[in-house]
Amino acid sequence: MLRTITVGSCVSVQGTFERQLENGKIQVRVGERVFAGNPVAKKAD
């Protein structure tokens, strides 16, 4: 599943969902790298 996170105040990363952390952040994988950040809210219908 593809997910988008924010890292810092203005950097977004989109990658494959890895896992949810205890602090509410999630990890996504982009190639060999794993990034952790706050998930971006889904778009309202």
PDB file of N, CA and C in Angstrom:
ATOM      1  N   MET A   1       0.840  -1.166   0.000  1.00  0.00           N
ATOM      2  CA  MET A   1       0.000   0.000   0.000  1.00  0.00           C
ATOM      3  C   MET A   1       0.893   1.240   0.000  1.00  0.00           C
ATOM      4  N   LEU A   2       0.635   2.158  -0.879  1.00  0.00           N
ATOM      5  CA  LEU A   2       1.397   3.393  -1.005  1.00  0.00           C
ATOM      6  C   LEU A   2       0.880   4.406   0.007  1.00  0.00           C
ATOM      7  N   ARG A   3       1.781   5.022   0.773  1.00  0.00           N
ATOM      8  CA  ARG A   3       1.398   6.018   1.777  1.00  0.00           C
ATOM      9  C   ARG A   3       2.307   7.230   1.643  1.00  0.00           C
ATOM     10  N   THR A   4       1.808   8.378   2.091  1.00  0.00           N
ATOM     11  CA  THR A   4       2.565   9.620   2.069  1.00  0.00           C
ATOM     12  C   THR A   4       2.749  10.109   3.499  1.00  0.00           C
ATOM     13  N   ILE A   5       3.968  10.538   3.826  1.00  0.00           N
ATOM     14  CA  ILE A   5       4.259  11.090   5.141  1.00  0.00           C
ATOM     15  C   ILE A   5       4.927  12.443   4.986  1.00  0.00           C
ATOM     16  N   THR A   6       4.899  13.230   6.058  1.00  0.00           N
ATOM     17  CA  THR A   6       5.646  14.484   6.083  1.00  0.00           C
ATOM     18  C   THR A   6       6.835  14.300   7.011  1.00  0.00           C
ATOM     19  N   VAL A   7       7.983  14.756   6.528  1.00  0.00           N
ATOM     20  CA  VAL A   7       9.219  14.710   7.299  1.00  0.00           C
ATOM     21  C   VAL A   7       9.661  16.157   7.447  1.00  0.00           C
ATOM     22  N   GLY A   8       9.597  16.681   8.635  1.00  0.00           N
ATOM     23  CA  GLY A   8       9.897  18.089   8.836  1.00  0.00           C
ATOM     24  C   GLY A   8       8.670  18.928   8.510  1.00  0.00           C
ATOM     25  N   SER A   9       8.887  20.203   8.195  1.00  0.00           N
ATOM     26  CA  SER A   9       7.753  21.102   7.980  1.00  0.00           C
ATOM     27  C   SER A   9       7.270  21.143   6.532  1.00  0.00           C
ATOM     28  N   CYS A  10       8.134  20.802   5.569  1.00  0.00           N
ATOM     29  CA  CYS A  10       7.706  20.955   4.177  1.00  0.00           C
ATOM     30  C   CYS A  10       8.200  19.850   3.244  1.00  0.00           C
ATOM     31  N   VAL A  11       8.700  18.752   3.777  1.00  0.00           N
ATOM     32  CA  VAL A  11       9.192  17.656   2.947  1.00  0.00           C
ATOM     33  C   VAL A  11       8.232  16.487   3.058  1.00  0.00           C
ATOM     34  N   SER A  12       7.744  15.998   1.911  1.00  0.00           N
ATOM     35  CA  SER A  12       6.859  14.838   1.871  1.00  0.00           C
ATOM     36  C   SER A  12       7.582  13.678   1.200  1.00  0.00           C
ATOM     37  N   VAL A  13       7.279  12.462   1.676  1.00  0.00           N
ATOM     38  CA  VAL A  13       7.864  11.250   1.112  1.00  0.00           C
ATOM     39  C   VAL A  13       6.726  10.285   0.849  1.00  0.00           C
ATOM     40  N   GLN A  14       6.732   9.670  -0.321  1.00  0.00           N
ATOM     41  CA  GLN A  14       5.715   8.682  -0.670  1.00  0.00           C
ATOM     42  C   GLN A  14       6.412   7.353  -0.910  1.00  0.00           C
ATOM     43  N   GLY A  15       5.907   6.312  -0.246  1.00  0.00           N
ATOM     44  CA  GLY A  15       6.521   5.004  -0.388  1.00  0.00           C
ATOM     45  C   GLY A  15       5.599   3.904   0.090  1.00  0.00           C
ATOM     46  N   THR A  16       6.126   2.694   0.137  1.00  0.00           N
ATOM     47  CA  THR A  16       5.370   1.524   0.553  1.00  0.00           C
ATOM     48  C   THR A  16       5.303   1.476   2.074  1.00  0.00           C
ATOM     49  N   PHE A  17       4.091   1.290   2.607  1.00  0.00           N
ATOM     50  CA  PHE A  17       3.885   1.239   4.053  1.00  0.00           C
ATOM     51  C   PHE A  17       4.691   0.101   4.661  1.00  0.00           C
ATOM     52  N   GLU A  18       5.429   0.387   5.741  1.00  0.00           N
ATOM     53  CA  GLU A  18       6.199  -0.625   6.461  1.00  0.00           C
ATOM     54  C   GLU A  18       5.522  -0.989   7.774  1.00  0.00           C
ATOM     55  N   ARG A  19       5.370   0.004   8.677  1.00  0.00           N
ATOM     56  CA  ARG A  19       4.728  -0.267   9.959  1.00  0.00           C
ATOM     57  C   ARG A  19       4.354   1.025  10.653  1.00  0.00           C
ATOM     58  N   GLN A  20       3.474   0.910  11.665  1.00  0.00           N
ATOM     59  CA  GLN A  20       3.059   2.052  12.477  1.00  0.00           C
ATOM     60  C   GLN A  20       3.863   2.027  13.769  1.00  0.00           C
ATOM     61  N   LEU A  21       4.344   3.181  14.177  1.00  0.00           N
ATOM     62  CA  LEU A  21       5.124   3.302  15.398  1.00  0.00           C
ATOM     63  C   LEU A  21       4.217   3.657  16.573  1.00  0.00           C
ATOM     64  N   GLU A  22       4.701   3.452  17.799  1.00  0.00           N
ATOM     65  CA  GLU A  22       3.901   3.711  19.001  1.00  0.00           C
ATOM     66  C   GLU A  22       3.527   5.181  19.161  1.00  0.00           C
ATOM     67  N   ASN A  23       4.319   6.078  18.620  1.00  0.00           N
ATOM     68  CA  ASN A  23       4.081   7.510  18.774  1.00  0.00           C
ATOM     69  C   ASN A  23       3.132   8.082  17.716  1.00  0.00           C
ATOM     70  N   GLY A  24       2.518   7.219  16.899  1.00  0.00           N
ATOM     71  CA  GLY A  24       1.568   7.672  15.887  1.00  0.00           C
ATOM     72  C   GLY A  24       2.166   7.891  14.513  1.00  0.00           C
ATOM     73  N   LYS A  25       3.479   7.891  14.420  1.00  0.00           N
ATOM     74  CA  LYS A  25       4.132   8.045  13.120  1.00  0.00           C
ATOM     75  C   LYS A  25       4.129   6.700  12.400  1.00  0.00           C
ATOM     76  N   ILE A  26       4.385   6.734  11.087  1.00  0.00           N
ATOM     77  CA  ILE A  26       4.478   5.496  10.315  1.00  0.00           C
ATOM     78  C   ILE A  26       5.809   5.474   9.567  1.00  0.00           C
ATOM     79  N   GLN A  27       6.205   4.295   9.140  1.00  0.00           N
ATOM     80  CA  GLN A  27       7.409   4.131   8.343  1.00  0.00           C
ATOM     81  C   GLN A  27       7.015   3.716   6.935  1.00  0.00           C
ATOM     82  N   VAL A  28       7.699   4.310   5.938  1.00  0.00           N
ATOM     83  CA  VAL A  28       7.506   3.933   4.541  1.00  0.00           C
ATOM     84  C   VAL A  28       8.869   3.601   3.939  1.00  0.00           C
ATOM     85  N   ARG A  29       8.868   2.700   2.970  1.00  0.00           N
ATOM     86  CA  ARG A  29      10.103   2.280   2.300  1.00  0.00           C
ATOM     87  C   ARG A  29      10.129   2.837   0.888  1.00  0.00           C
ATOM     88  N   VAL A  30      11.269   3.437   0.538  1.00  0.00           N
ATOM     89  CA  VAL A  30      11.529   3.922  -0.819  1.00  0.00           C
ATOM     90  C   VAL A  30      12.840   3.278  -1.246  1.00  0.00           C
ATOM     91  N   GLY A  31      12.729   2.228  -2.045  1.00  0.00           N
ATOM     92  CA  GLY A  31      13.922   1.482  -2.433  1.00  0.00           C
ATOM     93  C   GLY A  31      14.516   0.799  -1.218  1.00  0.00           C
ATOM     94  N   GLU A  32      15.783   1.114  -0.927  1.00  0.00           N
ATOM     95  CA  GLU A  32      16.465   0.520   0.232  1.00  0.00           C
ATOM     96  C   GLU A  32      16.320   1.362   1.496  1.00  0.00           C
ATOM     97  N   ARG A  33      15.781   2.575   1.372  1.00  0.00           N
ATOM     98  CA  ARG A  33      15.695   3.497   2.519  1.00  0.00           C
ATOM     99  C   ARG A  33      14.333   3.427   3.180  1.00  0.00           C
ATOM    100  N   VAL A  34      14.325   3.604   4.506  1.00  0.00           N
ATOM    101  CA  VAL A  34      13.086   3.633   5.284  1.00  0.00           C
ATOM    102  C   VAL A  34      12.997   4.996   5.953  1.00  0.00           C
ATOM    103  N   PHE A  35      11.847   5.661   5.791  1.00  0.00           N
ATOM    104  CA  PHE A  35      11.612   6.978   6.371  1.00  0.00           C
ATOM    105  C   PHE A  35      10.483   6.877   7.382  1.00  0.00           C
ATOM    106  N   ALA A  36      10.556   7.678   8.453  1.00  0.00           N
ATOM    107  CA  ALA A  36       9.498   7.754   9.449  1.00  0.00           C
ATOM    108  C   ALA A  36       8.991   9.181   9.493  1.00  0.00           C
ATOM    109  N   GLY A  37       7.669   9.323   9.624  1.00  0.00           N
ATOM    110  CA  GLY A  37       7.079  10.655   9.698  1.00  0.00           C
ATOM    111  C   GLY A  37       5.609  10.577   9.989  1.00  0.00           C
ATOM    112  N   ASN A  38       4.983  11.738  10.004  1.00  0.00           N
ATOM    113  CA  ASN A  38       3.544  11.821  10.274  1.00  0.00           C
ATOM    114  C   ASN A  38       2.760  11.521   9.001  1.00  0.00           C
ATOM    115  N   PRO A  39       1.742  10.664   9.097  1.00  0.00           N
ATOM    116  CA  PRO A  39       0.954  10.363   7.902  1.00  0.00           C
ATOM    117  C   PRO A  39       0.158  11.576   7.428  1.00  0.00           C
ATOM    118  N   VAL A  40       0.012  11.701   6.124  1.00  0.00           N
ATOM    119  CA  VAL A  40      -0.799  12.762   5.524  1.00  0.00           C
ATOM    120  C   VAL A  40      -2.245  12.300   5.541  1.00  0.00           C
ATOM    121  N   ALA A  41      -3.150  13.181   5.944  1.00  0.00           N
ATOM    122  CA  ALA A  41      -4.576  12.842   6.011  1.00  0.00           C
ATOM    123  C   ALA A  41      -5.101  12.502   4.629  1.00  0.00           C
ATOM    124  N   LYS A  42      -5.999  11.537   4.570  1.00  0.00           N
ATOM    125  CA  LYS A  42      -6.586  11.156   3.289  1.00  0.00           C
ATOM    126  C   LYS A  42      -7.526  12.244   2.801  1.00  0.00           C
ATOM    127  N   LYS A  43      -7.635  12.352   1.496  1.00  0.00           N
ATOM    128  CA  LYS A  43      -8.498  13.348   0.862  1.00  0.00           C
ATOM    129  C   LYS A  43      -9.961  13.003   1.114  1.00  0.00           C
ATOM    130  N   ALA A  44     -10.761  13.992   1.451  1.00  0.00           N
ATOM    131  CA  ALA A  44     -12.190  13.777   1.671  1.00  0.00           C
ATOM    132  C   ALA A  44     -12.889  13.552   0.336  1.00  0.00           C
ATOM    133  N   ASP A  45     -13.903  12.707   0.327  1.00  0.00           N
ATOM    134  CA  ASP A  45     -14.647  12.438  -0.911  1.00  0.00           C
ATOM    135  C   ASP A  45     -15.603  13.545  -1.272  1.00  0.00           C
TER     136      ASP A  45
END
